[in-house]
Amino acid sequence: MEKLNKKLNMDERFKKNIGATAKDWELCLKVFLNDGITRNLAPKTIEWYEESLRGRLLKKVHVEPQKFTKINLEYLIENMKKDGLKITSINTYLRSIRAFFGYLREEEGLKNLPKVKLLKEDKEPIKAFKEEDIRKLIEKPKKKNLKNFADLRDYVIVCFLLGTGVRLNTFINIKISDIDFENREVYLRKMKGREQIRIPLSFSLAKTLNEYLQIRGREPEDFLFCNVYGEQMKGKNVEDRVRLYCKKRLGKEKSKEYRCSPHTFRHTFAILYMRNGGDLLTLQKLLGHKSISITTRYVNLLPEDVKREFAKFSPLDNITNFRNTSRKAIRLK
């Protein structure tokens, strides 16, 4: 592994503190992460690579990189299944391993490393909020029912998520200066894939934000949504608050029908947009998707939509000119 050692310029203290097998994997990982930094990958991406590869590869493998085979990969996958991971989660880890192995094959000459294929997974239909439940969620709270700033903020958070369909990471990084009330636009800087786009700001959401900012304050470089001390909210904190908000508004049992996460509102945004007559290409831009196929997954119609559309366009009914008269069927005696 001389080539790796030269790249890393590792000191002797580091080399002595790790065993032979661990050393090789550690060297490989550090080179891979350094390459990611050189290619200017997002810090969160680098962190995820390190966390997932250490937890699901380095700690589980007992052979050197030069001896790693397809059998070892199959062992890793079985190990993840035994740990109770869902196929979706396993595939997430496999993507990081695939990127890691691909780099080592091409750049470090480890041709023995197997090509990583994702597992087949069933595409579960996306559960979006029903319209009657959405009305309960976005009903404006009365001042007398607001106990503190967090109660008001959580209501505005839900309105914002439903009104924009943004991802959680994008959401927590929006600053007050990113809201353009004059042109009714929201500037999204922290997008997946590092894209930056502007999306429309609806009249109702603009009004809600204006009222919210009168209480929250309007320093341009402050984050739009903050904790009670004015600090940026963490993603986990937003998820917890959204879940709690849904329980309060829908009731404990009713809220169990949904995931009640920021992403649930993203799904709902997409479905309602299409249901109201929007087009797929515009929705793709609003959601920040690179591929139209990803957008299509978001707009799986709800069962009632399918029934309603089928009633209008059923081929057999239209050909036979059938009309439901709601009369009872004649039975054989």
C-alpha atoms as a PDB file:
ATOM      1  CA  MET A   1       0.000   0.000   0.000  1.00  0.00           C
ATOM      2  CA  GLU A   2       2.919   2.372  -0.639  1.00  0.00           C
ATOM      3  CA  LYS A   3       0.874   4.488  -3.029  1.00  0.00           C
ATOM      4  CA  LEU A   4      -1.717   5.060  -0.319  1.00  0.00           C
ATOM      5  CA  ASN A   5       0.896   5.953   2.282  1.00  0.00           C
ATOM      6  CA  LYS A   6       2.417   8.587   0.009  1.00  0.00           C
ATOM      7  CA  LYS A   7      -0.980  10.131  -0.650  1.00  0.00           C
ATOM      8  CA  LEU A   8      -1.811  10.388   3.021  1.00  0.00           C
ATOM      9  CA  ASN A   9       1.618  11.335   4.336  1.00  0.00           C
ATOM     10  CA  MET A  10       0.664   9.472   7.521  1.00  0.00           C
ATOM     11  CA  ASP A  11       2.876   9.917  10.601  1.00  0.00           C
ATOM     12  CA  GLU A  12       4.514   6.976  12.362  1.00  0.00           C
ATOM     13  CA  ARG A  13       2.367   7.329  15.486  1.00  0.00           C
ATOM     14  CA  PHE A  14      -0.795   6.678  13.456  1.00  0.00           C
ATOM     15  CA  LYS A  15       0.725   3.648  11.742  1.00  0.00           C
ATOM     16  CA  LYS A  16       1.743   2.015  15.033  1.00  0.00           C
ATOM     17  CA  ASN A  17      -1.649   2.420  16.660  1.00  0.00           C
ATOM     18  CA  ILE A  18      -3.546   0.246  14.212  1.00  0.00           C
ATOM     19  CA  GLY A  19      -3.258  -3.371  13.165  1.00  0.00           C
ATOM     20  CA  ALA A  20      -2.248  -4.602   9.734  1.00  0.00           C
ATOM     21  CA  THR A  21      -5.760  -5.281   8.418  1.00  0.00           C
ATOM     22  CA  ALA A  22      -7.281  -2.219  10.041  1.00  0.00           C
ATOM     23  CA  LYS A  23      -4.402  -0.122   8.761  1.00  0.00           C
ATOM     24  CA  ASP A  24      -5.075  -1.026   5.158  1.00  0.00           C
ATOM     25  CA  TRP A  25      -8.803  -0.289   5.397  1.00  0.00           C
ATOM     26  CA  GLU A  26      -8.115   2.895   7.362  1.00  0.00           C
ATOM     27  CA  LEU A  27      -5.661   4.047   4.722  1.00  0.00           C
ATOM     28  CA  CYS A  28      -8.119   3.261   1.947  1.00  0.00           C
ATOM     29  CA  LEU A  29     -10.891   5.131   3.723  1.00  0.00           C
ATOM     30  CA  LYS A  30      -8.774   8.185   4.426  1.00  0.00           C
ATOM     31  CA  VAL A  31      -7.652   8.404   0.804  1.00  0.00           C
ATOM     32  CA  PHE A  32     -11.267   8.093  -0.349  1.00  0.00           C
ATOM     33  CA  LEU A  33     -12.449  10.818   2.035  1.00  0.00           C
ATOM     34  CA  ASN A  34      -9.569  13.092   1.064  1.00  0.00           C
ATOM     35  CA  ASP A  35     -10.518  12.623  -2.578  1.00  0.00           C
ATOM     36  CA  GLY A  36     -14.071  13.661  -1.716  1.00  0.00           C
ATOM     37  CA  ILE A  37     -12.768  16.814  -0.049  1.00  0.00           C
ATOM     38  CA  THR A  38     -10.623  17.548  -3.112  1.00  0.00           C
ATOM     39  CA  ARG A  39     -13.707  17.156  -5.325  1.00  0.00           C
ATOM     40  CA  ASN A  40     -15.521  19.605  -3.038  1.00  0.00           C
ATOM     41  CA  LEU A  41     -18.234  17.205  -1.917  1.00  0.00           C
ATOM     42  CA  ALA A  42     -20.602  18.605   0.696  1.00  0.00           C
ATOM     43  CA  PRO A  43     -19.314  18.202   4.291  1.00  0.00           C
ATOM     44  CA  LYS A  44     -22.437  16.195   5.205  1.00  0.00           C
ATOM     45  CA  THR A  45     -21.700  13.790   2.343  1.00  0.00           C
ATOM     46  CA  ILE A  46     -18.128  13.288   3.598  1.00  0.00           C
ATOM     47  CA  GLU A  47     -19.427  12.735   7.132  1.00  0.00           C
ATOM     48  CA  TRP A  48     -21.978  10.198   5.908  1.00  0.00           C
ATOM     49  CA  TYR A  49     -19.354   8.267   3.932  1.00  0.00           C
ATOM     50  CA  GLU A  50     -17.093   8.065   6.973  1.00  0.00           C
ATOM     51  CA  GLU A  51     -19.875   7.112   9.390  1.00  0.00           C
ATOM     52  CA  SER A  52     -21.500   4.495   7.168  1.00  0.00           C
ATOM     53  CA  LEU A  53     -18.264   2.919   5.919  1.00  0.00           C
ATOM     54  CA  ARG A  54     -16.779   2.659   9.396  1.00  0.00           C
ATOM     55  CA  GLY A  55     -19.950   1.271  10.919  1.00  0.00           C
ATOM     56  CA  ARG A  56     -20.979  -1.128   8.154  1.00  0.00           C
ATOM     57  CA  LEU A  57     -17.673  -2.114   6.528  1.00  0.00           C
ATOM     58  CA  LEU A  58     -14.522  -1.498   8.549  1.00  0.00           C
ATOM     59  CA  LYS A  59     -15.940  -2.821  11.834  1.00  0.00           C
ATOM     60  CA  LYS A  60     -17.423  -5.925  10.207  1.00  0.00           C
ATOM     61  CA  VAL A  61     -14.679  -7.046   7.806  1.00  0.00           C
ATOM     62  CA  HIS A  62     -11.919  -9.446   8.875  1.00  0.00           C
ATOM     63  CA  VAL A  63      -9.948  -9.657   5.621  1.00  0.00           C
ATOM     64  CA  GLU A  64      -7.585  -7.203   3.966  1.00  0.00           C
ATOM     65  CA  PRO A  65      -8.837  -5.039   1.084  1.00  0.00           C
ATOM     66  CA  GLN A  66      -6.772  -7.054  -1.426  1.00  0.00           C
ATOM     67  CA  LYS A  67      -8.600 -10.250  -0.378  1.00  0.00           C
ATOM     68  CA  PHE A  68     -12.138  -8.886  -0.171  1.00  0.00           C
ATOM     69  CA  THR A  69     -14.506 -10.802  -2.486  1.00  0.00           C
ATOM     70  CA  LYS A  70     -18.165 -11.069  -3.422  1.00  0.00           C
ATOM     71  CA  ILE A  71     -18.644 -13.612  -0.608  1.00  0.00           C
ATOM     72  CA  ASN A  72     -17.513 -11.022   1.942  1.00  0.00           C
ATOM     73  CA  LEU A  73     -19.952  -8.523   0.481  1.00  0.00           C
ATOM     74  CA  GLU A  74     -22.791 -11.033   0.766  1.00  0.00           C
ATOM     75  CA  TYR A  75     -21.816 -11.579   4.398  1.00  0.00           C
ATOM     76  CA  LEU A  76     -22.079  -7.832   5.039  1.00  0.00           C
ATOM     77  CA  ILE A  77     -25.559  -7.695   3.497  1.00  0.00           C
ATOM     78  CA  GLU A  78     -26.761 -10.679   5.539  1.00  0.00           C
ATOM     79  CA  ASN A  79     -25.320  -9.043   8.645  1.00  0.00           C
ATOM     80  CA  MET A  80     -27.371  -5.898   7.981  1.00  0.00           C
ATOM     81  CA  LYS A  81     -30.519  -7.979   7.512  1.00  0.00           C
ATOM     82  CA  LYS A  82     -29.877  -9.739  10.846  1.00  0.00           C
ATOM     83  CA  ASP A  83     -29.551  -6.327  12.465  1.00  0.00           C
ATOM     84  CA  GLY A  84     -33.133  -5.644  11.384  1.00  0.00           C
ATOM     85  CA  LEU A  85     -32.364  -3.012   8.735  1.00  0.00           C
ATOM     86  CA  LYS A  86     -34.989  -2.463   6.071  1.00  0.00           C
ATOM     87  CA  ILE A  87     -34.063  -2.916   2.417  1.00  0.00           C
ATOM     88  CA  THR A  88     -34.194   0.854   1.896  1.00  0.00           C
ATOM     89  CA  SER A  89     -31.650   1.386   4.697  1.00  0.00           C
ATOM     90  CA  ILE A  90     -29.412  -1.429   3.441  1.00  0.00           C
ATOM     91  CA  ASN A  91     -29.386   0.133  -0.031  1.00  0.00           C
ATOM     92  CA  THR A  92     -28.377   3.459   1.483  1.00  0.00           C
ATOM     93  CA  TYR A  93     -25.308   1.810   3.026  1.00  0.00           C
ATOM     94  CA  LEU A  94     -24.613  -0.118  -0.173  1.00  0.00           C
ATOM     95  CA  ARG A  95     -24.490   3.144  -2.117  1.00  0.00           C
ATOM     96  CA  SER A  96     -21.659   4.390   0.058  1.00  0.00           C
ATOM     97  CA  ILE A  97     -19.829   1.052  -0.248  1.00  0.00           C
ATOM     98  CA  ARG A  98     -20.346   1.143  -4.030  1.00  0.00           C
ATOM     99  CA  ALA A  99     -18.799   4.604  -4.269  1.00  0.00           C
ATOM    100  CA  PHE A 100     -15.899   3.521  -2.015  1.00  0.00           C
ATOM    101  CA  PHE A 101     -15.147   0.333  -3.949  1.00  0.00           C
ATOM    102  CA  GLY A 102     -15.506   2.091  -7.299  1.00  0.00           C
ATOM    103  CA  TYR A 103     -12.887   4.632  -6.273  1.00  0.00           C
ATOM    104  CA  LEU A 104     -10.483   1.952  -4.994  1.00  0.00           C
ATOM    105  CA  ARG A 105     -10.821  -0.118  -8.169  1.00  0.00           C
ATOM    106  CA  GLU A 106     -10.162   2.837 -10.462  1.00  0.00           C
ATOM    107  CA  GLU A 107      -7.654   4.858  -8.470  1.00  0.00           C
ATOM    108  CA  GLU A 108      -5.850   2.316  -6.285  1.00  0.00           C
ATOM    109  CA  GLY A 109      -5.919  -0.715  -8.576  1.00  0.00           C
ATOM    110  CA  LEU A 110      -7.878  -2.994  -6.207  1.00  0.00           C
ATOM    111  CA  LYS A 111      -9.566  -4.860  -9.055  1.00  0.00           C
ATOM    112  CA  ASN A 112     -10.598  -7.716  -6.753  1.00  0.00           C
ATOM    113  CA  LEU A 113     -13.265  -5.585  -5.070  1.00  0.00           C
ATOM    114  CA  PRO A 114     -16.725  -6.688  -6.283  1.00  0.00           C
ATOM    115  CA  LYS A 115     -19.184  -4.401  -8.013  1.00  0.00           C
ATOM    116  CA  VAL A 116     -21.972  -3.516  -5.615  1.00  0.00           C
ATOM    117  CA  LYS A 117     -25.571  -3.944  -6.758  1.00  0.00           C
ATOM    118  CA  LEU A 118     -28.518  -2.569  -4.832  1.00  0.00           C
ATOM    119  CA  LEU A 119     -31.161  -4.959  -3.499  1.00  0.00           C
ATOM    120  CA  LYS A 120     -34.573  -5.126  -5.104  1.00  0.00           C
ATOM    121  CA  GLU A 121     -37.149  -3.361  -2.982  1.00  0.00           C
ATOM    122  CA  ASP A 122     -40.904  -2.988  -3.165  1.00  0.00           C
ATOM    123  CA  LYS A 123     -41.999   0.567  -3.854  1.00  0.00           C
ATOM    124  CA  GLU A 124     -44.510   1.315  -1.138  1.00  0.00           C
ATOM    125  CA  PRO A 125     -47.207   3.839  -2.030  1.00  0.00           C
ATOM    126  CA  ILE A 126     -46.571   7.210  -0.469  1.00  0.00           C
ATOM    127  CA  LYS A 127     -49.070   8.053   2.276  1.00  0.00           C
ATOM    128  CA  ALA A 128     -50.033  11.724   1.970  1.00  0.00           C
ATOM    129  CA  PHE A 129     -52.339  13.682   4.263  1.00  0.00           C
ATOM    130  CA  LYS A 130     -56.030  13.586   3.407  1.00  0.00           C
ATOM    131  CA  GLU A 131     -57.665  16.919   2.640  1.00  0.00           C
ATOM    132  CA  GLU A 132     -59.841  16.964   5.763  1.00  0.00           C
ATOM    133  CA  ASP A 133     -56.755  16.388   7.912  1.00  0.00           C
ATOM    134  CA  ILE A 134     -54.797  19.094   6.083  1.00  0.00           C
ATOM    135  CA  ARG A 135     -57.515  21.585   6.985  1.00  0.00           C
ATOM    136  CA  LYS A 136     -57.100  20.704  10.659  1.00  0.00           C
ATOM    137  CA  LEU A 137     -53.311  21.067  10.418  1.00  0.00           C
ATOM    138  CA  ILE A 138     -53.307  24.505   8.793  1.00  0.00           C
ATOM    139  CA  GLU A 139     -56.185  26.019  10.746  1.00  0.00           C
ATOM    140  CA  LYS A 140     -54.870  29.259  12.201  1.00  0.00           C
ATOM    141  CA  PRO A 141     -54.565  29.003  15.997  1.00  0.00           C
ATOM    142  CA  LYS A 142     -56.247  31.587  18.180  1.00  0.00           C
ATOM    143  CA  LYS A 143     -53.929  33.816  20.208  1.00  0.00           C
ATOM    144  CA  LYS A 144     -55.443  32.594  23.467  1.00  0.00           C
ATOM    145  CA  ASN A 145     -54.445  29.019  22.543  1.00  0.00           C
ATOM    146  CA  LEU A 146     -50.793  29.899  21.938  1.00  0.00           C
ATOM    147  CA  LYS A 147     -48.795  29.159  25.078  1.00  0.00           C
ATOM    148  CA  ASN A 148     -45.413  30.300  23.744  1.00  0.00           C
ATOM    149  CA  PHE A 149     -43.388  31.210  20.646  1.00  0.00           C
ATOM    150  CA  ALA A 150     -42.796  27.548  19.798  1.00  0.00           C
ATOM    151  CA  ASP A 151     -46.538  26.945  19.354  1.00  0.00           C
ATOM    152  CA  LEU A 152     -46.775  29.755  16.792  1.00  0.00           C
ATOM    153  CA  ARG A 153     -43.570  28.699  15.068  1.00  0.00           C
ATOM    154  CA  ASP A 154     -44.712  25.079  14.706  1.00  0.00           C
ATOM    155  CA  TYR A 155     -47.921  26.206  13.023  1.00  0.00           C
ATOM    156  CA  VAL A 156     -45.926  28.349  10.563  1.00  0.00           C
ATOM    157  CA  ILE A 157     -43.485  25.480   9.968  1.00  0.00           C
ATOM    158  CA  VAL A 158     -46.333  23.211   8.853  1.00  0.00           C
ATOM    159  CA  CYS A 159     -47.765  25.932   6.601  1.00  0.00           C
ATOM    160  CA  PHE A 160     -44.330  26.522   5.062  1.00  0.00           C
ATOM    161  CA  LEU A 161     -43.667  22.814   4.431  1.00  0.00           C
ATOM    162  CA  LEU A 162     -47.074  22.340   2.818  1.00  0.00           C
ATOM    163  CA  GLY A 163     -46.734  25.574   0.824  1.00  0.00           C
ATOM    164  CA  THR A 164     -43.272  24.890  -0.608  1.00  0.00           C
ATOM    165  CA  GLY A 165     -42.572  21.139  -0.482  1.00  0.00           C
ATOM    166  CA  VAL A 166     -38.929  21.760   0.467  1.00  0.00           C
ATOM    167  CA  ARG A 167     -36.601  19.101   1.878  1.00  0.00           C
ATOM    168  CA  LEU A 168     -35.742  19.196   5.580  1.00  0.00           C
ATOM    169  CA  ASN A 169     -32.085  20.154   5.088  1.00  0.00           C
ATOM    170  CA  THR A 170     -33.102  22.964   2.750  1.00  0.00           C
ATOM    171  CA  PHE A 171     -35.756  24.090   5.195  1.00  0.00           C
ATOM    172  CA  ILE A 172     -33.523  24.486   8.252  1.00  0.00           C
ATOM    173  CA  ASN A 173     -31.017  26.565   6.253  1.00  0.00           C
ATOM    174  CA  ILE A 174     -33.459  29.189   4.937  1.00  0.00           C
ATOM    175  CA  LYS A 175     -32.672  32.678   6.204  1.00  0.00           C
ATOM    176  CA  ILE A 176     -34.996  35.644   6.543  1.00  0.00           C
ATOM    177  CA  SER A 177     -33.136  37.343   3.689  1.00  0.00           C
ATOM    178  CA  ASP A 178     -34.114  34.422   1.428  1.00  0.00           C
ATOM    179  CA  ILE A 179     -37.779  35.459   1.600  1.00  0.00           C
ATOM    180  CA  ASP A 180     -38.518  38.011  -1.116  1.00  0.00           C
ATOM    181  CA  PHE A 181     -41.935  39.427  -0.230  1.00  0.00           C
ATOM    182  CA  GLU A 182     -41.852  42.016  -3.018  1.00  0.00           C
ATOM    183  CA  ASN A 183     -41.442  39.466  -5.816  1.00  0.00           C
ATOM    184  CA  ARG A 184     -43.101  36.701  -3.789  1.00  0.00           C
ATOM    185  CA  GLU A 185     -40.235  34.242  -4.049  1.00  0.00           C
ATOM    186  CA  VAL A 186     -38.239  31.978  -1.742  1.00  0.00           C
ATOM    187  CA  TYR A 187     -34.541  31.591  -2.480  1.00  0.00           C
ATOM    188  CA  LEU A 188     -33.431  28.012  -1.741  1.00  0.00           C
ATOM    189  CA  ARG A 189     -29.662  27.941  -1.277  1.00  0.00           C
ATOM    190  CA  LYS A 190     -29.070  24.571   0.393  1.00  0.00           C
ATOM    191  CA  MET A 191     -30.474  22.158  -2.163  1.00  0.00           C
ATOM    192  CA  LYS A 192     -29.557  18.532  -2.748  1.00  0.00           C
ATOM    193  CA  GLY A 193     -26.807  18.433  -5.363  1.00  0.00           C
ATOM    194  CA  ARG A 194     -25.818  22.003  -4.426  1.00  0.00           C
ATOM    195  CA  GLU A 195     -28.286  23.595  -6.780  1.00  0.00           C
ATOM    196  CA  GLN A 196     -29.831  26.945  -5.896  1.00  0.00           C
ATOM    197  CA  ILE A 197     -33.283  27.852  -7.129  1.00  0.00           C
ATOM    198  CA  ARG A 198     -36.089  30.329  -6.532  1.00  0.00           C
ATOM    199  CA  ILE A 199     -39.634  29.088  -6.029  1.00  0.00           C
ATOM    200  CA  PRO A 200     -42.899  31.073  -5.852  1.00  0.00           C
ATOM    201  CA  LEU A 201     -44.238  32.265  -2.507  1.00  0.00           C
ATOM    202  CA  SER A 202     -48.031  31.917  -2.341  1.00  0.00           C
ATOM    203  CA  PHE A 203     -50.210  34.800  -1.113  1.00  0.00           C
ATOM    204  CA  SER A 204     -51.456  32.872   1.919  1.00  0.00           C
ATOM    205  CA  LEU A 205     -47.974  31.761   2.964  1.00  0.00           C
ATOM    206  CA  ALA A 206     -46.600  35.286   2.496  1.00  0.00           C
ATOM    207  CA  LYS A 207     -49.294  36.622   4.855  1.00  0.00           C
ATOM    208  CA  THR A 208     -48.572  33.913   7.432  1.00  0.00           C
ATOM    209  CA  LEU A 209     -44.813  34.592   7.298  1.00  0.00           C
ATOM    210  CA  ASN A 210     -45.310  38.335   7.665  1.00  0.00           C
ATOM    211  CA  GLU A 211     -47.366  37.847  10.812  1.00  0.00           C
ATOM    212  CA  TYR A 212     -44.812  35.345  12.143  1.00  0.00           C
ATOM    213  CA  LEU A 213     -41.857  37.691  11.510  1.00  0.00           C
ATOM    214  CA  GLN A 214     -43.521  40.479  13.445  1.00  0.00           C
ATOM    215  CA  ILE A 215     -42.998  38.301  16.516  1.00  0.00           C
ATOM    216  CA  ARG A 216     -39.840  36.445  15.491  1.00  0.00           C
ATOM    217  CA  GLY A 217     -37.967  39.578  14.293  1.00  0.00           C
ATOM    218  CA  ARG A 218     -36.465  40.432  10.897  1.00  0.00           C
ATOM    219  CA  GLU A 219     -32.638  40.389  11.030  1.00  0.00           C
ATOM    220  CA  PRO A 220     -31.776  39.396   7.412  1.00  0.00           C
ATOM    221  CA  GLU A 221     -29.035  36.874   8.239  1.00  0.00           C
ATOM    222  CA  ASP A 222     -31.018  35.130  10.975  1.00  0.00           C
ATOM    223  CA  PHE A 223     -32.493  31.731  10.170  1.00  0.00           C
ATOM    224  CA  LEU A 224     -36.180  31.926   9.328  1.00  0.00           C
ATOM    225  CA  PHE A 225     -37.113  29.171  11.764  1.00  0.00           C
ATOM    226  CA  CYS A 226     -35.298  29.108  15.084  1.00  0.00           C
ATOM    227  CA  ASN A 227     -35.551  27.700  18.582  1.00  0.00           C
ATOM    228  CA  VAL A 228     -36.828  29.854  21.461  1.00  0.00           C
ATOM    229  CA  TYR A 229     -33.326  31.358  21.821  1.00  0.00           C
ATOM    230  CA  GLY A 230     -33.149  32.476  18.206  1.00  0.00           C
ATOM    231  CA  GLU A 231     -30.697  29.736  17.172  1.00  0.00           C
ATOM    232  CA  GLN A 232     -30.908  27.595  14.029  1.00  0.00           C
ATOM    233  CA  MET A 233     -33.131  24.554  14.460  1.00  0.00           C
ATOM    234  CA  LYS A 234     -31.647  21.091  14.029  1.00  0.00           C
ATOM    235  CA  GLY A 235     -33.274  18.633  11.629  1.00  0.00           C
ATOM    236  CA  LYS A 236     -34.132  16.198  14.436  1.00  0.00           C
ATOM    237  CA  ASN A 237     -35.745  19.010  16.416  1.00  0.00           C
ATOM    238  CA  VAL A 238     -37.950  19.946  13.440  1.00  0.00           C
ATOM    239  CA  GLU A 239     -38.987  16.312  12.957  1.00  0.00           C
ATOM    240  CA  ASP A 240     -39.924  15.979  16.637  1.00  0.00           C
ATOM    241  CA  ARG A 241     -41.904  19.228  16.650  1.00  0.00           C
ATOM    242  CA  VAL A 242     -43.800  18.321  13.467  1.00  0.00           C
ATOM    243  CA  ARG A 243     -44.689  14.917  14.907  1.00  0.00           C
ATOM    244  CA  LEU A 244     -45.899  16.505  18.140  1.00  0.00           C
ATOM    245  CA  TYR A 245     -47.873  19.148  16.235  1.00  0.00           C
ATOM    246  CA  CYS A 246     -49.684  16.482  14.195  1.00  0.00           C
ATOM    247  CA  LYS A 247     -50.620  14.588  17.363  1.00  0.00           C
ATOM    248  CA  LYS A 248     -52.083  17.735  18.902  1.00  0.00           C
ATOM    249  CA  ARG A 249     -54.064  18.706  15.828  1.00  0.00           C
ATOM    250  CA  LEU A 250     -55.192  15.288  14.568  1.00  0.00           C
ATOM    251  CA  GLY A 251     -55.264  13.322  17.786  1.00  0.00           C
ATOM    252  CA  LYS A 252     -52.961  10.486  18.816  1.00  0.00           C
ATOM    253  CA  GLU A 253     -54.785   7.695  16.966  1.00  0.00           C
ATOM    254  CA  LYS A 254     -55.455   9.652  13.762  1.00  0.00           C
ATOM    255  CA  SER A 255     -51.851  10.832  13.525  1.00  0.00           C
ATOM    256  CA  LYS A 256     -50.703   7.180  13.504  1.00  0.00           C
ATOM    257  CA  GLU A 257     -52.142   6.864   9.986  1.00  0.00           C
ATOM    258  CA  TYR A 258     -49.293   9.044   8.708  1.00  0.00           C
ATOM    259  CA  ARG A 259     -45.545   9.290   9.094  1.00  0.00           C
ATOM    260  CA  CYS A 260     -46.084  12.869  10.270  1.00  0.00           C
ATOM    261  CA  SER A 261     -42.646  13.990   9.106  1.00  0.00           C
ATOM    262  CA  PRO A 262     -41.480  17.003   7.052  1.00  0.00           C
ATOM    263  CA  HIS A 263     -41.197  14.613   4.106  1.00  0.00           C
ATOM    264  CA  THR A 264     -44.876  13.696   4.452  1.00  0.00           C
ATOM    265  CA  PHE A 265     -45.689  17.335   3.742  1.00  0.00           C
ATOM    266  CA  ARG A 266     -43.381  17.220   0.719  1.00  0.00           C
ATOM    267  CA  HIS A 267     -45.342  14.237  -0.625  1.00  0.00           C
ATOM    268  CA  THR A 268     -48.621  15.981   0.105  1.00  0.00           C
ATOM    269  CA  PHE A 269     -47.442  19.147  -1.634  1.00  0.00           C
ATOM    270  CA  ALA A 270     -46.650  17.149  -4.785  1.00  0.00           C
ATOM    271  CA  ILE A 271     -49.965  15.269  -4.825  1.00  0.00           C
ATOM    272  CA  LEU A 272     -52.071  18.376  -4.213  1.00  0.00           C
ATOM    273  CA  TYR A 273     -50.147  20.297  -6.867  1.00  0.00           C
ATOM    274  CA  MET A 274     -50.959  17.672  -9.494  1.00  0.00           C
ATOM    275  CA  ARG A 275     -54.524  17.210  -8.263  1.00  0.00           C
ATOM    276  CA  ASN A 276     -55.126  20.945  -8.671  1.00  0.00           C
ATOM    277  CA  GLY A 277     -54.084  20.824 -12.321  1.00  0.00           C
ATOM    278  CA  GLY A 278     -50.321  21.339 -12.134  1.00  0.00           C
ATOM    279  CA  ASP A 279     -47.950  19.770 -14.665  1.00  0.00           C
ATOM    280  CA  LEU A 280     -45.190  17.264 -13.945  1.00  0.00           C
ATOM    281  CA  LEU A 281     -42.303  19.267 -15.446  1.00  0.00           C
ATOM    282  CA  THR A 282     -43.033  22.339 -13.320  1.00  0.00           C
ATOM    283  CA  LEU A 283     -43.373  20.145 -10.243  1.00  0.00           C
ATOM    284  CA  GLN A 284     -39.996  18.607 -11.025  1.00  0.00           C
ATOM    285  CA  LYS A 285     -38.420  22.075 -10.891  1.00  0.00           C
ATOM    286  CA  LEU A 286     -40.256  23.016  -7.691  1.00  0.00           C
ATOM    287  CA  LEU A 287     -39.084  19.847  -5.950  1.00  0.00           C
ATOM    288  CA  GLY A 288     -35.537  20.204  -7.267  1.00  0.00           C
ATOM    289  CA  HIS A 289     -35.427  16.756  -8.878  1.00  0.00           C
ATOM    290  CA  LYS A 290     -32.863  15.994 -11.565  1.00  0.00           C
ATOM    291  CA  SER A 291     -34.916  13.110 -12.938  1.00  0.00           C
ATOM    292  CA  ILE A 292     -38.593  13.188 -13.860  1.00  0.00           C
ATOM    293  CA  SER A 293     -38.857   9.540 -12.731  1.00  0.00           C
ATOM    294  CA  ILE A 294     -38.226  10.607  -9.124  1.00  0.00           C
ATOM    295  CA  THR A 295     -40.972  13.218  -9.379  1.00  0.00           C
ATOM    296  CA  THR A 296     -43.368  10.580 -10.702  1.00  0.00           C
ATOM    297  CA  ARG A 297     -42.906   8.549  -7.500  1.00  0.00           C
ATOM    298  CA  TYR A 298     -44.061  11.520  -5.460  1.00  0.00           C
ATOM    299  CA  VAL A 299     -47.348  11.845  -7.279  1.00  0.00           C
ATOM    300  CA  ASN A 300     -48.735   8.337  -6.912  1.00  0.00           C
ATOM    301  CA  LEU A 301     -52.432   9.119  -6.840  1.00  0.00           C
ATOM    302  CA  LEU A 302     -54.442   8.323  -3.753  1.00  0.00           C
ATOM    303  CA  PRO A 303     -57.026   5.495  -4.061  1.00  0.00           C
ATOM    304  CA  GLU A 304     -59.934   7.944  -4.172  1.00  0.00           C
ATOM    305  CA  ASP A 305     -58.274   9.832  -7.040  1.00  0.00           C
ATOM    306  CA  VAL A 306     -57.869   6.618  -8.994  1.00  0.00           C
ATOM    307  CA  LYS A 307     -61.538   5.677  -8.475  1.00  0.00           C
ATOM    308  CA  ARG A 308     -62.733   9.133  -9.483  1.00  0.00           C
ATOM    309  CA  GLU A 309     -60.640   9.222 -12.649  1.00  0.00           C
ATOM    310  CA  PHE A 310     -61.573   5.644 -13.528  1.00  0.00           C
ATOM    311  CA  ALA A 311     -65.269   6.502 -13.255  1.00  0.00           C
ATOM    312  CA  LYS A 312     -64.721   9.229 -15.851  1.00  0.00           C
ATOM    313  CA  PHE A 313     -62.575   7.312 -18.305  1.00  0.00           C
ATOM    314  CA  SER A 314     -63.380   3.606 -17.868  1.00  0.00           C
ATOM    315  CA  PRO A 315     -62.950   2.158 -21.418  1.00  0.00           C
ATOM    316  CA  LEU A 316     -65.725  -0.416 -21.099  1.00  0.00           C
ATOM    317  CA  ASP A 317     -68.231   1.999 -19.540  1.00  0.00           C
ATOM    318  CA  ASN A 318     -67.601   4.597 -22.228  1.00  0.00           C
ATOM    319  CA  ILE A 319     -67.895   2.125 -25.094  1.00  0.00           C
ATOM    320  CA  THR A 320     -71.108   0.594 -23.772  1.00  0.00           C
ATOM    321  CA  ASN A 321     -72.429   3.998 -22.692  1.00  0.00           C
ATOM    322  CA  PHE A 322     -73.157   2.459 -19.269  1.00  0.00           C
ATOM    323  CA  ARG A 323     -74.744   4.666 -16.611  1.00  0.00           C
ATOM    324  CA  ASN A 324     -75.073   3.677 -12.951  1.00  0.00           C
ATOM    325  CA  THR A 325     -78.764   4.023 -12.111  1.00  0.00           C
ATOM    326  CA  SER A 326     -78.301   2.815  -8.509  1.00  0.00           C
ATOM    327  CA  ARG A 327     -81.078   0.251  -9.058  1.00  0.00           C
ATOM    328  CA  LYS A 328     -80.964  -3.140  -7.426  1.00  0.00           C
ATOM    329  CA  ALA A 329     -79.780  -5.977  -9.603  1.00  0.00           C
ATOM    330  CA  ILE A 330     -82.334  -8.596 -10.715  1.00  0.00           C
ATOM    331  CA  ARG A 331     -81.506 -11.939  -9.132  1.00  0.00           C
ATOM    332  CA  LEU A 332     -82.230 -15.451 -10.421  1.00  0.00           C
ATOM    333  CA  LYS A 333     -85.048 -17.109  -8.532  1.00  0.00           C
END
